[in-house]
């Protein structure tokens, strides 16, 4: 499962740069991150 962590972090940073809805995506990524751990 740790394979997905870099991808999640990459998507998180990309969403911060590209989207104004970054906060929503951040929360979804955080929840995914929590469930992976």
PDB file of N, CA and C in Angstrom:
ATOM      1  N   UNK A   1       0.830  -1.210   0.000  1.00  0.00           N
ATOM      2  CA  UNK A   1       0.000   0.000   0.000  1.00  0.00           C
ATOM      3  C   UNK A   1       0.863   1.258   0.000  1.00  0.00           C
ATOM      4  N   UNK A   2       2.084   1.148   0.477  1.00  0.00           N
ATOM      5  CA  UNK A   2       2.940   2.333   0.548  1.00  0.00           C
ATOM      6  C   UNK A   2       3.335   2.835  -0.832  1.00  0.00           C
ATOM      7  N   UNK A   3       3.101   2.017  -1.865  1.00  0.00           N
ATOM      8  CA  UNK A   3       3.380   2.467  -3.230  1.00  0.00           C
ATOM      9  C   UNK A   3       2.546   3.685  -3.581  1.00  0.00           C
ATOM     10  N   UNK A   4       1.352   3.754  -3.015  1.00  0.00           N
ATOM     11  CA  UNK A   4       0.405   4.803  -3.421  1.00  0.00           C
ATOM     12  C   UNK A   4       0.680   6.142  -2.732  1.00  0.00           C
ATOM     13  N   UNK A   5       1.475   6.131  -1.681  1.00  0.00           N
ATOM     14  CA  UNK A   5       1.695   7.369  -0.939  1.00  0.00           C
ATOM     15  C   UNK A   5       2.347   8.461  -1.800  1.00  0.00           C
ATOM     16  N   UNK A   6       3.398   8.175  -2.560  1.00  0.00           N
ATOM     17  CA  UNK A   6       3.970   9.229  -3.415  1.00  0.00           C
ATOM     18  C   UNK A   6       2.966   9.762  -4.430  1.00  0.00           C
ATOM     19  N   UNK A   7       2.144   8.866  -4.989  1.00  0.00           N
ATOM     20  CA  UNK A   7       1.144   9.299  -5.955  1.00  0.00           C
ATOM     21  C   UNK A   7       0.117  10.211  -5.293  1.00  0.00           C
ATOM     22  N   UNK A   8      -0.310   9.846  -4.080  1.00  0.00           N
ATOM     23  CA  UNK A   8      -1.279  10.676  -3.360  1.00  0.00           C
ATOM     24  C   UNK A   8      -0.687  12.042  -3.060  1.00  0.00           C
ATOM     25  N   UNK A   9       0.561  12.060  -2.605  1.00  0.00           N
ATOM     26  CA  UNK A   9       1.189  13.342  -2.298  1.00  0.00           C
ATOM     27  C   UNK A   9       1.359  14.174  -3.561  1.00  0.00           C
ATOM     28  N   UNK A  10       1.734  13.521  -4.663  1.00  0.00           N
ATOM     29  CA  UNK A  10       1.887  14.232  -5.931  1.00  0.00           C
ATOM     30  C   UNK A  10       0.574  14.842  -6.387  1.00  0.00           C
ATOM     31  N   UNK A  11      -0.507  14.067  -6.290  1.00  0.00           N
ATOM     32  CA  UNK A  11      -1.816  14.582  -6.685  1.00  0.00           C
ATOM     33  C   UNK A  11      -2.234  15.722  -5.768  1.00  0.00           C
ATOM     34  N   UNK A  12      -1.888  15.599  -4.489  1.00  0.00           N
ATOM     35  CA  UNK A  12      -2.239  16.638  -3.526  1.00  0.00           C
ATOM     36  C   UNK A  12      -1.562  17.953  -3.916  1.00  0.00           C
ATOM     37  N   UNK A  13      -0.262  17.918  -4.203  1.00  0.00           N
ATOM     38  CA  UNK A  13       0.445  19.145  -4.567  1.00  0.00           C
ATOM     39  C   UNK A  13      -0.056  19.682  -5.902  1.00  0.00           C
ATOM     40  N   UNK A  14      -0.317  18.780  -6.859  1.00  0.00           N
ATOM     41  CA  UNK A  14      -0.831  19.220  -8.155  1.00  0.00           C
ATOM     42  C   UNK A  14      -2.189  19.883  -8.006  1.00  0.00           C
ATOM     43  N   UNK A  15      -3.038  19.326  -7.140  1.00  0.00           N
ATOM     44  CA  UNK A  15      -4.363  19.909  -6.956  1.00  0.00           C
ATOM     45  C   UNK A  15      -4.241  21.276  -6.288  1.00  0.00           C
ATOM     46  N   UNK A  16      -3.248  21.432  -5.390  1.00  0.00           N
ATOM     47  CA  UNK A  16      -3.039  22.743  -4.773  1.00  0.00           C
ATOM     48  C   UNK A  16      -2.677  23.777  -5.833  1.00  0.00           C
ATOM     49  N   UNK A  17      -1.826  23.382  -6.767  1.00  0.00           N
ATOM     50  CA  UNK A  17      -1.363  24.327  -7.780  1.00  0.00           C
ATOM     51  C   UNK A  17      -2.431  24.608  -8.821  1.00  0.00           C
ATOM     52  N   UNK A  18      -3.204  23.593  -9.180  1.00  0.00           N
ATOM     53  CA  UNK A  18      -4.078  23.709 -10.344  1.00  0.00           C
ATOM     54  C   UNK A  18      -5.521  24.059 -10.008  1.00  0.00           C
ATOM     55  N   UNK A  19      -6.027  23.533  -8.895  1.00  0.00           N
ATOM     56  CA  UNK A  19      -7.459  23.671  -8.621  1.00  0.00           C
ATOM     57  C   UNK A  19      -7.724  24.667  -7.505  1.00  0.00           C
ATOM     58  N   UNK A  20      -8.859  25.343  -7.618  1.00  0.00           N
ATOM     59  CA  UNK A  20      -9.316  26.172  -6.518  1.00  0.00           C
ATOM     60  C   UNK A  20     -10.089  25.335  -5.515  1.00  0.00           C
ATOM     61  N   UNK A  21     -10.478  24.118  -5.928  1.00  0.00           N
ATOM     62  CA  UNK A  21     -11.165  23.200  -5.022  1.00  0.00           C
ATOM     63  C   UNK A  21     -10.159  22.295  -4.327  1.00  0.00           C
ATOM     64  N   UNK A  22      -8.936  22.779  -4.172  1.00  0.00           N
ATOM     65  CA  UNK A  22      -7.863  21.963  -3.616  1.00  0.00           C
ATOM     66  C   UNK A  22      -8.205  21.471  -2.203  1.00  0.00           C
ATOM     67  N   UNK A  23      -8.925  22.298  -1.464  1.00  0.00           N
ATOM     68  CA  UNK A  23      -9.218  21.919  -0.081  1.00  0.00           C
ATOM     69  C   UNK A  23     -10.056  20.645  -0.039  1.00  0.00           C
ATOM     70  N   UNK A  24     -11.021  20.545  -0.948  1.00  0.00           N
ATOM     71  CA  UNK A  24     -11.868  19.349  -0.991  1.00  0.00           C
ATOM     72  C   UNK A  24     -11.016  18.133  -1.331  1.00  0.00           C
ATOM     73  N   UNK A  25     -10.143  18.272  -2.324  1.00  0.00           N
ATOM     74  CA  UNK A  25      -9.294  17.163  -2.718  1.00  0.00           C
ATOM     75  C   UNK A  25      -8.306  16.820  -1.609  1.00  0.00           C
ATOM     76  N   UNK A  26      -7.832  17.837  -0.895  1.00  0.00           N
ATOM     77  CA  UNK A  26      -6.930  17.570   0.221  1.00  0.00           C
ATOM     78  C   UNK A  26      -7.610  16.708   1.266  1.00  0.00           C
ATOM     79  N   UNK A  27      -8.859  17.038   1.587  1.00  0.00           N
ATOM     80  CA  UNK A  27      -9.569  16.240   2.587  1.00  0.00           C
ATOM     81  C   UNK A  27      -9.756  14.808   2.106  1.00  0.00           C
ATOM     82  N   UNK A  28     -10.090  14.636   0.824  1.00  0.00           N
ATOM     83  CA  UNK A  28     -10.264  13.272   0.312  1.00  0.00           C
ATOM     84  C   UNK A  28      -8.945  12.515   0.356  1.00  0.00           C
ATOM     85  N   UNK A  29      -7.844  13.196   0.021  1.00  0.00           N
ATOM     86  CA  UNK A  29      -6.542  12.539   0.066  1.00  0.00           C
ATOM     87  C   UNK A  29      -6.155  12.206   1.492  1.00  0.00           C
ATOM     88  N   UNK A  30      -6.487  13.109   2.423  1.00  0.00           N
ATOM     89  CA  UNK A  30      -6.176  12.854   3.829  1.00  0.00           C
ATOM     90  C   UNK A  30      -6.947  11.643   4.325  1.00  0.00           C
ATOM     91  N   UNK A  31      -8.231  11.554   3.953  1.00  0.00           N
ATOM     92  CA  UNK A  31      -9.017  10.391   4.377  1.00  0.00           C
ATOM     93  C   UNK A  31      -8.446   9.114   3.766  1.00  0.00           C
ATOM     94  N   UNK A  32      -8.058   9.162   2.486  1.00  0.00           N
ATOM     95  CA  UNK A  32      -7.443   7.980   1.852  1.00  0.00           C
ATOM     96  C   UNK A  32      -6.154   7.618   2.572  1.00  0.00           C
ATOM     97  N   UNK A  33      -5.366   8.632   2.915  1.00  0.00           N
ATOM     98  CA  UNK A  33      -4.101   8.424   3.609  1.00  0.00           C
ATOM     99  C   UNK A  33      -4.340   7.731   4.954  1.00  0.00           C
ATOM    100  N   UNK A  34      -5.362   8.197   5.681  1.00  0.00           N
ATOM    101  CA  UNK A  34      -5.695   7.610   6.979  1.00  0.00           C
ATOM    102  C   UNK A  34      -6.121   6.152   6.808  1.00  0.00           C
ATOM    103  N   UNK A  35      -6.938   5.885   5.785  1.00  0.00           N
ATOM    104  CA  UNK A  35      -7.422   4.515   5.589  1.00  0.00           C
ATOM    105  C   UNK A  35      -6.281   3.594   5.166  1.00  0.00           C
ATOM    106  N   UNK A  36      -5.298   4.115   4.419  1.00  0.00           N
ATOM    107  CA  UNK A  36      -4.159   3.292   4.019  1.00  0.00           C
ATOM    108  C   UNK A  36      -3.321   2.905   5.234  1.00  0.00           C
ATOM    109  N   UNK A  37      -3.244   3.791   6.200  1.00  0.00           N
ATOM    110  CA  UNK A  37      -2.484   3.477   7.423  1.00  0.00           C
ATOM    111  C   UNK A  37      -3.391   2.704   8.356  1.00  0.00           C
TER     112      UNK A  37
END
